[in-house]
Amino acid sequence: MNRDEILQYSQTVCDGLRDDDDGVRREVLAHAGSRWSLGVVHTLGVYGRLRHAEIGRRMHGVTQRMLTRTLRQLERDGLVLRHDFEEVPPRVEYELSDTGMELLVRMVPLWTWIVENADRFREARQDFDEQHRDEKSEAVADLAHNGSRL
C-alpha cells in the first residue's frame, strides 16, 4: 500500500468507529490501549486457562479489584471465557476465547514495532525535553513569582 491508500483505509476504519451507534466498537478498541486488558490477554494467551489468583501473580502491579474488573469487561466483550466449576470452595478459571486469541495475534506486531523502535522514542523524548527545557524553567519561575504575591 502506498501512503494515500493507507490514509484512505485508515479513514474508512475511523468512519466505522465514528458511526458506532451503541459505542461497542470504541469500547472494545479501548482494550487495545489498556495496560491491564492487554496484560490479561497476553497472560492467558501464554499460560492458557488460569484461576484469578494465578493471573494476578503473573501480572505485576495489578490489584485484585482491577483484575476482577478487567476480567469482567473482557468476558462481557467475548474476549475471555469464564469457567465456574460450581464447587465449594469456589473454583473459577479463565481462558481466551477464539476472539481473544485473534486480538492477541493482532497485537503482537504492534508490540514488536514498539520494542524495535524504543530507542527512537527515547531519542525523540530527549530531543523534545531539551528543546522545551527553557519553557519549563520559565513556567516554574513564573509560578514561583506569582505565588509569592499571594
Foldseek 3Di string as FASTA:
>chain_A
DDPVVVVVVVVVVVVVCVPPPVNLVVLVVVLLVDPQSLLLLVVQVVPNKDWLVVSPVSDPPDDSVNSVVSQVSCVVNQQKDKDWPPDVVTTIIIHGDPVSVVVNVVCVVVVVVCVVCVVVVVVVVVVVCVVCVVVVVVVVVVCVVVVVVD
